[in-house]
N, C-alpha and C. Protein backbone atom coordinates (compact mmCIF):
# COMPACT_ATOMS: atom_id res chain seq x y z
N MET A 1 85.28 64.22 114.49
CA MET A 1 84.57 63.52 113.39
C MET A 1 85.14 63.75 112.18
N LYS A 2 85.39 62.54 111.31
CA LYS A 2 86.06 62.65 110.11
C LYS A 2 85.03 63.36 109.13
N GLY A 3 85.58 64.19 108.17
CA GLY A 3 84.85 64.76 107.06
C GLY A 3 84.39 66.24 107.68
N ILE A 4 84.52 66.78 108.75
CA ILE A 4 83.86 67.99 109.24
C ILE A 4 85.15 68.99 109.09
N ARG A 5 84.75 69.93 108.25
CA ARG A 5 85.91 71.08 108.09
C ARG A 5 85.80 72.01 109.20
N ARG A 6 86.80 72.34 109.94
CA ARG A 6 86.77 73.32 110.99
C ARG A 6 87.16 74.48 110.25
N ARG A 7 86.41 75.64 110.69
CA ARG A 7 87.02 77.06 110.24
C ARG A 7 87.24 77.88 111.43
N CYS A 8 87.74 79.08 111.29
CA CYS A 8 87.78 79.94 112.36
C CYS A 8 86.49 80.35 113.01
N LYS A 9 86.28 80.33 114.21
CA LYS A 9 85.07 80.63 114.99
C LYS A 9 84.48 81.99 114.47
N TRP A 10 85.22 82.92 114.18
CA TRP A 10 84.51 84.16 113.78
C TRP A 10 83.73 84.02 112.49
N ALA A 11 83.96 83.06 111.68
CA ALA A 11 83.30 83.01 110.43
C ALA A 11 82.28 82.03 110.44
N GLU A 12 81.83 81.37 111.71
CA GLU A 12 80.60 80.53 111.53
C GLU A 12 79.47 81.25 112.00
N GLY A 13 78.47 80.67 111.69
CA GLY A 13 77.13 81.23 111.89
C GLY A 13 76.60 82.11 110.82
N ASN A 14 77.11 82.45 109.94
CA ASN A 14 76.61 83.37 108.86
C ASN A 14 77.20 82.81 107.61
N ASP A 15 76.39 82.76 106.61
CA ASP A 15 76.81 82.14 105.30
C ASP A 15 77.67 83.14 104.56
N LEU A 16 77.50 84.32 104.57
CA LEU A 16 78.40 85.39 104.01
C LEU A 16 79.58 85.50 104.60
N MET A 17 79.87 85.41 105.78
CA MET A 17 81.00 85.50 106.51
C MET A 17 82.01 84.20 106.31
N SER A 18 81.03 83.14 106.29
CA SER A 18 81.79 81.66 106.03
C SER A 18 82.29 81.74 104.60
N ALA A 19 81.54 82.22 103.57
CA ALA A 19 82.06 82.02 102.16
C ALA A 19 83.11 82.91 102.12
N TYR A 20 83.14 84.12 102.75
CA TYR A 20 84.22 84.98 102.67
C TYR A 20 85.58 84.50 103.37
N HIS A 21 85.42 83.74 104.54
CA HIS A 21 86.48 83.05 105.19
C HIS A 21 87.05 81.93 104.24
N ASP A 22 86.15 81.10 103.88
CA ASP A 22 86.53 79.95 103.01
C ASP A 22 87.36 80.20 101.63
N ARG A 23 86.87 81.22 101.04
CA ARG A 23 87.51 81.59 99.72
C ARG A 23 88.40 82.63 99.55
N GLU A 24 88.29 83.65 100.58
CA GLU A 24 89.33 84.80 100.38
C GLU A 24 90.15 85.13 101.41
N TRP A 25 89.58 85.11 102.62
CA TRP A 25 90.47 85.75 103.72
C TRP A 25 91.69 85.00 104.10
N GLY A 26 92.81 85.75 104.11
CA GLY A 26 94.08 85.12 104.36
C GLY A 26 94.69 84.64 103.07
N VAL A 27 94.03 84.55 101.96
CA VAL A 27 94.52 83.90 100.57
C VAL A 27 95.52 85.02 100.17
N PRO A 28 96.84 84.85 99.64
CA PRO A 28 97.78 85.80 99.26
C PRO A 28 97.21 86.39 97.99
N VAL A 29 97.25 87.60 97.99
CA VAL A 29 96.81 88.57 96.79
C VAL A 29 97.95 89.18 96.19
N HIS A 30 97.88 89.18 94.81
CA HIS A 30 99.16 89.72 94.15
C HIS A 30 98.45 90.73 93.00
N GLU A 31 97.26 90.95 92.97
CA GLU A 31 96.59 91.87 92.06
C GLU A 31 96.21 93.09 92.61
N ASP A 32 96.69 94.21 92.01
CA ASP A 32 96.44 95.61 92.66
C ASP A 32 95.00 96.03 92.70
N LYS A 33 94.16 95.52 91.81
CA LYS A 33 92.68 95.85 91.78
C LYS A 33 92.20 95.37 93.07
N THR A 34 92.54 93.99 93.54
CA THR A 34 92.07 93.55 94.78
C THR A 34 92.70 94.20 96.04
N HIS A 35 93.89 94.70 95.90
CA HIS A 35 94.45 95.44 96.99
C HIS A 35 93.69 96.67 97.13
N PHE A 36 93.39 97.36 96.11
CA PHE A 36 92.66 98.52 96.19
C PHE A 36 91.19 98.33 96.64
N GLU A 37 90.50 97.32 96.23
CA GLU A 37 89.26 97.06 96.65
C GLU A 37 89.18 96.81 98.23
N PHE A 38 90.29 96.08 98.73
CA PHE A 38 90.26 95.96 100.33
C PHE A 38 90.46 97.17 101.04
N LEU A 39 91.52 97.99 100.30
CA LEU A 39 91.76 99.40 101.04
C LEU A 39 90.31 100.05 101.33
N ILE A 40 89.55 100.15 100.24
CA ILE A 40 88.32 100.86 100.25
C ILE A 40 87.29 100.18 101.33
N LEU A 41 87.25 98.88 101.16
CA LEU A 41 86.51 98.05 102.16
C LEU A 41 86.87 98.11 103.53
N GLU A 42 88.01 98.00 103.91
CA GLU A 42 88.61 98.08 105.15
C GLU A 42 88.53 99.45 105.87
N ALA A 43 88.63 100.41 105.08
CA ALA A 43 88.34 101.76 105.55
C ALA A 43 86.89 102.20 105.73
N ALA A 44 86.08 101.39 104.91
CA ALA A 44 84.64 101.53 105.07
C ALA A 44 84.14 100.85 106.45
N GLN A 45 84.86 99.69 106.70
CA GLN A 45 84.49 99.11 107.91
C GLN A 45 84.78 99.82 109.44
N ALA A 46 85.70 100.83 109.28
CA ALA A 46 86.11 101.70 110.46
C ALA A 46 84.97 101.84 111.29
N GLY A 47 84.88 101.33 112.47
CA GLY A 47 83.76 101.67 113.38
C GLY A 47 82.53 100.91 113.04
N LEU A 48 82.52 99.98 112.18
CA LEU A 48 81.55 99.28 111.83
C LEU A 48 81.76 97.79 111.76
N SER A 49 80.98 96.81 111.47
CA SER A 49 81.27 95.34 111.43
C SER A 49 81.58 94.99 110.19
N TRP A 50 82.34 93.97 109.78
CA TRP A 50 82.78 93.52 108.61
C TRP A 50 81.58 92.96 107.83
N LEU A 51 80.60 92.45 108.61
CA LEU A 51 79.44 91.88 107.94
C LEU A 51 78.63 92.86 107.30
N ILE A 52 78.59 94.07 107.93
CA ILE A 52 77.84 95.24 107.35
C ILE A 52 78.48 95.53 105.82
N VAL A 53 79.90 95.70 105.79
CA VAL A 53 80.55 95.80 104.71
C VAL A 53 80.46 94.94 103.69
N LEU A 54 80.60 93.41 103.96
CA LEU A 54 80.47 92.46 103.06
C LEU A 54 79.14 92.50 102.34
N ARG A 55 77.92 92.82 103.23
CA ARG A 55 76.64 92.92 102.66
C ARG A 55 76.52 94.09 101.55
N LYS A 56 77.26 94.99 101.82
CA LYS A 56 77.50 96.16 100.99
C LYS A 56 78.44 96.08 99.67
N ARG A 57 79.17 95.08 99.72
CA ARG A 57 80.23 94.89 98.65
C ARG A 57 79.81 95.01 97.43
N GLU A 58 78.85 94.59 96.85
CA GLU A 58 78.63 94.81 95.47
C GLU A 58 78.03 96.16 95.18
N GLY A 59 77.49 96.70 96.21
CA GLY A 59 77.00 98.27 96.09
C GLY A 59 78.49 98.98 95.92
N TYR A 60 79.40 98.66 96.66
CA TYR A 60 80.72 99.38 96.39
C TYR A 60 81.28 99.00 95.06
N ARG A 61 81.30 97.82 94.62
CA ARG A 61 81.64 97.64 93.33
C ARG A 61 81.03 98.58 92.29
N LYS A 62 79.93 98.58 92.39
CA LYS A 62 79.14 99.48 91.44
C LYS A 62 79.49 100.93 91.49
N ALA A 63 79.53 101.34 92.74
CA ALA A 63 79.66 102.69 93.21
C ALA A 63 81.07 103.15 92.69
N PHE A 64 82.13 102.40 92.81
CA PHE A 64 83.55 102.60 92.64
C PHE A 64 84.06 101.93 91.44
N ALA A 65 83.33 101.95 90.37
CA ALA A 65 83.91 101.50 88.97
C ALA A 65 84.52 100.31 89.11
N GLY A 66 83.92 99.26 89.68
CA GLY A 66 84.55 97.96 89.78
C GLY A 66 85.84 98.07 90.49
N PHE A 67 86.01 99.01 91.38
CA PHE A 67 87.41 99.10 92.10
C PHE A 67 88.56 99.35 91.07
N ASP A 68 88.21 100.07 90.20
CA ASP A 68 89.30 100.42 89.07
C ASP A 68 89.86 101.75 89.58
N PHE A 69 91.20 101.54 90.26
CA PHE A 69 91.68 102.88 90.96
C PHE A 69 91.98 103.87 89.86
N LYS A 70 92.35 103.67 88.72
CA LYS A 70 92.55 104.79 87.72
C LYS A 70 91.35 105.45 87.43
N LYS A 71 90.28 104.85 87.36
CA LYS A 71 88.77 105.70 87.26
C LYS A 71 88.56 106.42 88.54
N VAL A 72 88.59 105.69 89.76
CA VAL A 72 88.24 106.27 91.03
C VAL A 72 89.35 107.61 91.33
N ALA A 73 90.40 107.44 90.85
CA ALA A 73 91.58 108.66 90.93
C ALA A 73 90.75 109.88 90.27
N LYS A 74 90.00 109.83 89.27
CA LYS A 74 89.55 110.75 88.45
C LYS A 74 88.04 111.22 88.99
N PHE A 75 87.66 110.54 89.95
CA PHE A 75 86.27 111.05 90.49
C PHE A 75 86.32 112.47 90.91
N SER A 76 85.25 113.27 90.72
CA SER A 76 85.14 114.66 91.03
C SER A 76 84.22 114.85 92.16
N GLU A 77 83.89 116.20 92.50
CA GLU A 77 83.01 116.37 93.46
C GLU A 77 81.60 115.94 93.07
N LYS A 78 81.32 116.00 91.91
CA LYS A 78 79.98 115.35 91.39
C LYS A 78 79.76 114.07 91.79
N ASP A 79 81.06 113.24 91.64
CA ASP A 79 81.00 111.93 92.19
C ASP A 79 80.81 111.61 93.65
N VAL A 80 81.49 112.56 94.45
CA VAL A 80 81.20 112.59 95.89
C VAL A 80 79.74 112.75 96.15
N GLN A 81 79.02 113.71 95.35
CA GLN A 81 77.74 113.96 95.69
C GLN A 81 76.97 112.58 95.28
N ARG A 82 77.06 111.97 94.43
CA ARG A 82 76.55 110.85 93.77
C ARG A 82 76.67 109.55 94.88
N LEU A 83 77.92 109.48 95.40
CA LEU A 83 78.25 108.40 96.33
C LEU A 83 77.51 108.76 97.83
N MET A 84 77.29 109.92 98.15
CA MET A 84 76.76 110.32 99.35
C MET A 84 75.27 110.00 99.25
N ASN A 85 74.54 109.88 98.05
CA ASN A 85 73.23 109.53 97.91
C ASN A 85 73.15 108.09 97.67
N ASP A 86 73.97 107.17 97.68
CA ASP A 86 74.13 105.77 97.25
C ASP A 86 73.69 105.03 98.46
N ALA A 87 72.69 104.40 98.59
CA ALA A 87 72.27 103.63 99.63
C ALA A 87 73.17 102.10 99.70
N GLY A 88 73.61 102.02 98.70
CA GLY A 88 74.47 100.68 98.44
C GLY A 88 75.87 100.66 99.22
N ILE A 89 76.18 101.77 99.61
CA ILE A 89 77.57 101.83 100.43
C ILE A 89 77.19 102.65 101.69
N VAL A 90 78.33 102.65 102.43
CA VAL A 90 78.30 103.40 103.79
C VAL A 90 78.45 104.92 103.43
N ARG A 91 77.38 105.59 103.56
CA ARG A 91 77.44 107.02 103.25
C ARG A 91 77.99 107.92 104.12
N ASN A 92 79.45 107.75 104.19
CA ASN A 92 80.25 108.53 105.13
C ASN A 92 81.27 109.49 104.19
N GLU A 93 80.98 110.83 104.44
CA GLU A 93 81.73 111.68 103.45
C GLU A 93 83.17 111.46 103.70
N LEU A 94 83.71 111.41 104.87
CA LEU A 94 85.04 111.28 105.13
C LEU A 94 85.71 110.11 104.43
N LYS A 95 84.89 108.96 104.57
CA LYS A 95 85.42 107.80 103.93
C LYS A 95 85.43 107.72 102.44
N ILE A 96 84.15 108.27 101.96
CA ILE A 96 84.30 108.33 100.37
C ILE A 96 85.38 109.38 99.93
N ARG A 97 85.61 110.38 100.45
CA ARG A 97 86.66 111.18 99.99
C ARG A 97 88.06 110.58 100.16
N ALA A 98 88.28 109.82 101.17
CA ALA A 98 89.49 109.36 101.63
C ALA A 98 89.50 108.15 100.48
N SER A 99 88.57 107.30 100.14
CA SER A 99 88.72 106.47 98.90
C SER A 99 89.21 107.17 97.74
N ILE A 100 88.63 108.08 97.30
CA ILE A 100 88.88 108.87 96.10
C ILE A 100 90.61 109.27 96.22
N GLU A 101 90.92 109.95 97.21
CA GLU A 101 92.29 110.35 97.50
C GLU A 101 93.20 109.37 97.50
N ASN A 102 92.92 108.32 98.19
CA ASN A 102 93.62 106.96 98.29
C ASN A 102 93.96 106.45 96.86
N ALA A 103 92.93 106.62 95.94
CA ALA A 103 93.17 106.01 94.67
C ALA A 103 94.34 106.87 93.90
N ARG A 104 94.25 108.17 94.16
CA ARG A 104 95.41 108.93 93.62
C ARG A 104 96.71 108.67 94.08
N ARG A 105 96.93 108.43 95.50
CA ARG A 105 98.12 108.07 96.12
C ARG A 105 98.40 106.57 95.77
N PHE A 106 97.56 105.74 95.63
CA PHE A 106 97.79 104.38 95.18
C PHE A 106 98.41 104.48 93.69
N LEU A 107 98.08 105.21 92.85
CA LEU A 107 98.75 105.50 91.41
C LEU A 107 100.23 105.85 91.79
N GLU A 108 100.25 106.99 92.74
CA GLU A 108 101.72 107.34 92.89
C GLU A 108 102.72 106.06 93.69
N VAL A 109 102.19 105.27 94.22
CA VAL A 109 102.88 104.13 94.84
C VAL A 109 103.10 103.18 93.66
N ARG A 110 102.12 102.95 92.58
CA ARG A 110 102.56 102.21 91.58
C ARG A 110 103.51 102.65 90.68
N LYS A 111 103.57 103.98 90.65
CA LYS A 111 104.50 104.50 89.65
C LYS A 111 106.05 104.50 90.33
N GLU A 112 105.99 104.47 91.59
CA GLU A 112 107.41 104.29 92.40
C GLU A 112 107.74 102.90 92.48
N PHE A 113 106.92 101.95 92.81
CA PHE A 113 107.16 100.56 92.86
C PHE A 113 106.90 99.69 91.76
N GLY A 114 106.17 100.14 90.93
CA GLY A 114 105.73 99.26 89.68
C GLY A 114 104.35 98.78 90.07
N THR A 115 104.20 98.26 91.13
CA THR A 115 102.70 97.69 91.43
C THR A 115 102.55 98.10 93.22
N PHE A 116 101.36 98.30 93.49
CA PHE A 116 101.16 98.35 94.86
C PHE A 116 101.38 97.05 95.66
N ASP A 117 101.04 95.98 95.02
CA ASP A 117 101.59 94.70 95.48
C ASP A 117 103.02 94.50 95.82
N ALA A 118 103.80 95.03 94.84
CA ALA A 118 105.21 94.97 95.23
C ALA A 118 105.72 95.84 96.38
N TYR A 119 105.13 96.97 96.65
CA TYR A 119 105.27 97.88 97.73
C TYR A 119 104.90 97.28 99.01
N LEU A 120 103.69 96.54 99.05
CA LEU A 120 103.21 96.08 100.18
C LEU A 120 103.81 94.91 100.62
N TRP A 121 104.06 93.79 99.70
CA TRP A 121 104.81 92.57 100.07
C TRP A 121 106.05 92.78 100.38
N ASN A 122 106.86 94.00 100.00
CA ASN A 122 108.17 94.29 100.39
C ASN A 122 108.33 94.31 102.08
N PHE A 123 107.06 94.79 102.58
CA PHE A 123 107.27 94.91 104.20
C PHE A 123 107.61 93.30 104.80
N VAL A 124 107.32 92.40 104.12
CA VAL A 124 107.50 91.08 104.70
C VAL A 124 108.37 90.30 103.92
N GLY A 125 109.18 90.86 103.08
CA GLY A 125 110.11 90.26 102.15
C GLY A 125 109.47 89.12 101.20
N GLY A 126 108.29 89.48 100.98
CA GLY A 126 107.58 88.47 99.97
C GLY A 126 106.90 87.17 100.49
N LYS A 127 107.08 87.12 101.95
CA LYS A 127 106.59 85.90 102.38
C LYS A 127 105.54 86.10 103.53
N PRO A 128 104.55 85.49 103.44
CA PRO A 128 103.27 85.73 104.43
C PRO A 128 103.80 85.51 105.82
N VAL A 129 103.37 86.24 106.89
CA VAL A 129 103.69 85.94 108.20
C VAL A 129 102.55 85.15 108.70
N VAL A 130 102.88 83.85 109.14
CA VAL A 130 101.95 82.98 109.81
C VAL A 130 102.10 82.88 111.26
N ASN A 131 100.85 83.42 111.63
CA ASN A 131 100.89 83.58 113.40
C ASN A 131 100.30 82.18 113.80
N PRO A 132 100.86 81.72 114.97
CA PRO A 132 100.33 80.61 115.81
C PRO A 132 98.97 81.05 116.49
N VAL A 133 97.88 80.68 116.00
CA VAL A 133 96.66 81.21 116.54
C VAL A 133 95.73 80.13 116.93
N LYS A 134 95.44 79.84 118.30
CA LYS A 134 94.64 78.85 118.81
C LYS A 134 93.15 79.33 118.61
N SER A 135 92.93 80.53 119.08
CA SER A 135 91.55 81.11 119.10
C SER A 135 91.48 82.47 118.42
N TYR A 136 90.60 82.84 117.88
CA TYR A 136 90.28 84.18 117.24
C TYR A 136 90.46 85.38 118.21
N LYS A 137 90.23 84.85 119.60
CA LYS A 137 90.33 85.73 120.63
C LYS A 137 91.89 86.34 120.95
N GLU A 138 92.71 85.53 120.27
CA GLU A 138 94.25 85.76 120.44
C GLU A 138 94.64 86.79 119.48
N ILE A 139 93.88 86.91 118.35
CA ILE A 139 94.37 87.84 117.24
C ILE A 139 94.49 89.30 117.57
N ALA A 140 95.50 89.78 117.44
CA ALA A 140 95.93 91.23 117.57
C ALA A 140 95.06 92.05 116.54
N SER A 141 94.75 93.30 117.13
CA SER A 141 94.08 94.40 116.21
C SER A 141 95.21 95.08 115.49
N CYS A 142 96.43 95.05 115.97
CA CYS A 142 97.38 95.83 115.20
C CYS A 142 98.73 95.11 115.82
N THR A 143 99.81 95.31 114.91
CA THR A 143 101.07 94.80 115.25
C THR A 143 102.12 95.91 114.90
N PRO A 144 103.47 95.53 115.21
CA PRO A 144 104.53 96.43 114.61
C PRO A 144 104.43 96.63 113.08
N LEU A 145 104.13 95.32 112.56
CA LEU A 145 104.08 95.50 110.94
C LEU A 145 102.98 96.35 110.51
N SER A 146 101.70 96.18 111.15
CA SER A 146 100.81 97.11 110.57
C SER A 146 100.90 98.48 111.14
N ASP A 147 101.79 98.77 112.14
CA ASP A 147 102.19 100.15 112.58
C ASP A 147 103.15 100.78 111.57
N ALA A 148 104.05 99.99 110.93
CA ALA A 148 104.92 100.47 110.14
C ALA A 148 104.23 100.72 108.62
N VAL A 149 103.55 99.80 108.18
CA VAL A 149 102.82 100.19 106.92
C VAL A 149 101.89 101.38 107.05
N SER A 150 101.05 101.33 108.22
CA SER A 150 100.19 102.57 108.32
C SER A 150 100.95 103.86 108.29
N LYS A 151 102.14 103.83 108.92
CA LYS A 151 102.99 105.14 109.14
C LYS A 151 103.34 105.36 107.75
N ASP A 152 103.74 104.47 106.88
CA ASP A 152 104.39 104.78 105.54
C ASP A 152 103.22 105.25 104.67
N LEU A 153 102.11 104.60 104.75
CA LEU A 153 100.93 104.97 103.77
C LEU A 153 100.52 106.39 104.34
N LYS A 154 100.61 106.71 105.64
CA LYS A 154 100.21 108.13 106.01
C LYS A 154 100.98 109.13 105.41
N LYS A 155 102.29 108.86 105.46
CA LYS A 155 103.45 109.62 105.08
C LYS A 155 103.30 109.94 103.66
N ARG A 156 102.57 108.89 102.88
CA ARG A 156 102.39 109.10 101.40
C ARG A 156 101.13 109.81 101.09
N GLY A 157 100.32 110.17 102.17
CA GLY A 157 99.10 110.92 102.01
C GLY A 157 97.78 110.15 101.99
N PHE A 158 98.02 109.00 102.17
CA PHE A 158 96.82 108.05 102.40
C PHE A 158 96.19 108.34 103.64
N ARG A 159 94.61 108.14 103.46
CA ARG A 159 93.93 108.44 104.66
C ARG A 159 93.03 107.07 105.16
N PHE A 160 92.49 107.20 106.49
CA PHE A 160 91.70 106.02 106.80
C PHE A 160 92.64 104.83 106.78
N VAL A 161 93.83 104.99 107.11
CA VAL A 161 94.81 103.78 106.92
C VAL A 161 95.40 103.85 108.34
N GLY A 162 94.87 103.73 109.46
CA GLY A 162 95.30 103.64 110.86
C GLY A 162 95.74 102.13 110.92
N THR A 163 96.44 101.79 111.82
CA THR A 163 97.05 100.43 112.16
C THR A 163 96.10 99.45 112.04
N THR A 164 94.92 99.62 112.78
CA THR A 164 93.95 98.49 112.83
C THR A 164 93.33 98.22 111.41
N VAL A 165 93.09 99.36 110.77
CA VAL A 165 92.51 99.11 109.44
C VAL A 165 93.58 98.48 108.65
N ILE A 166 94.79 98.80 108.66
CA ILE A 166 95.94 98.08 107.83
C ILE A 166 96.22 96.67 108.26
N TYR A 167 95.87 96.48 109.59
CA TYR A 167 96.21 95.11 110.03
C TYR A 167 94.94 94.23 109.44
N ALA A 168 93.99 94.77 109.38
CA ALA A 168 92.77 93.82 108.65
C ALA A 168 92.94 93.69 107.30
N HIS A 169 93.62 94.93 106.60
CA HIS A 169 93.95 94.52 105.15
C HIS A 169 95.11 93.67 104.93
N LEU A 170 95.95 93.62 105.87
CA LEU A 170 97.08 92.58 105.67
C LEU A 170 96.65 91.09 105.82
N GLN A 171 95.62 90.96 106.83
CA GLN A 171 94.90 89.70 107.07
C GLN A 171 94.17 89.36 105.79
N ALA A 172 93.43 90.26 105.28
CA ALA A 172 92.47 90.00 104.17
C ALA A 172 93.24 89.56 102.89
N VAL A 173 94.44 90.20 102.62
CA VAL A 173 95.15 89.83 101.51
C VAL A 173 96.23 88.90 101.75
N GLY A 174 96.19 88.24 102.84
CA GLY A 174 96.99 87.11 102.98
C GLY A 174 98.57 87.38 103.31
N ILE A 175 98.86 88.60 103.54
CA ILE A 175 100.13 89.06 103.95
C ILE A 175 100.49 88.37 105.41
N VAL A 176 99.27 88.40 106.16
CA VAL A 176 99.24 87.78 107.47
C VAL A 176 98.32 86.72 107.50
N ASN A 177 98.67 85.57 107.87
CA ASN A 177 97.75 84.55 108.16
C ASN A 177 97.31 84.27 109.77
N ASP A 178 96.46 84.61 109.96
CA ASP A 178 95.64 84.41 111.29
C ASP A 178 94.77 83.43 111.44
N HIS A 179 94.62 82.53 110.52
CA HIS A 179 93.58 81.58 110.75
C HIS A 179 93.96 80.74 111.90
N GLU A 180 92.91 80.21 112.61
CA GLU A 180 93.17 79.36 113.87
C GLU A 180 93.78 78.06 113.42
N SER A 181 94.65 77.62 114.32
CA SER A 181 95.45 76.17 114.22
C SER A 181 94.61 75.13 113.56
N GLU A 182 93.46 75.01 114.23
CA GLU A 182 92.49 74.01 113.71
C GLU A 182 91.76 74.33 112.32
N CYS A 183 91.84 75.55 111.75
CA CYS A 183 91.14 75.79 110.51
C CYS A 183 91.60 75.09 109.47
N PHE A 184 90.90 74.53 108.45
CA PHE A 184 91.14 73.92 107.43
C PHE A 184 91.87 75.00 106.45
N ARG A 185 91.77 76.30 106.59
CA ARG A 185 92.33 77.12 105.63
C ARG A 185 93.87 77.48 106.27
N LYS A 186 94.31 77.10 107.45
CA LYS A 186 95.52 77.42 107.97
C LYS A 186 96.79 77.08 107.05
N ASN A 187 96.84 76.09 106.65
CA ASN A 187 97.94 75.78 105.66
C ASN A 187 97.76 75.76 104.22
N CYS A 188 96.55 76.35 103.79
CA CYS A 188 96.47 76.41 102.31
C CYS A 188 97.11 77.47 101.62
């Protein structure tokens, strides 16, 4: 039917997921603050659903200083305890501590490469990887690209950056385009 916008099947049936899909998922990101936001959120998702994390996104924004990596890098033990008591986020101590440590490593990457964005996009030569996807069921949970990025981040001291978490990050920030072929966002 004319006028119907098709979206990826995983994003249907929930307004929050649909809005995220339609406005953000797979859109190339070049702002370090957004990269840092997704590093925190994707790590928080580990073992959970993305919908849970999306519902807590504003809580994360408040708890983690608007995703200001310079401020988060200075968080102390007192901040860890504050975050452990914050019902607006996933209260997992390992994930909280990893987010703070990752902010410190994030600054080191920026010092070496100028921006985290430059570091990350270098893995794909600055051009998004567009995968032919007929159904979301075909989408991999990790690839040689996510393996390589994950390995390098771990070598740099990042935590909660396994290959599956990193693949989700690469999709979120548009380095990988895994929209279904019939999705209106595929060629945007």
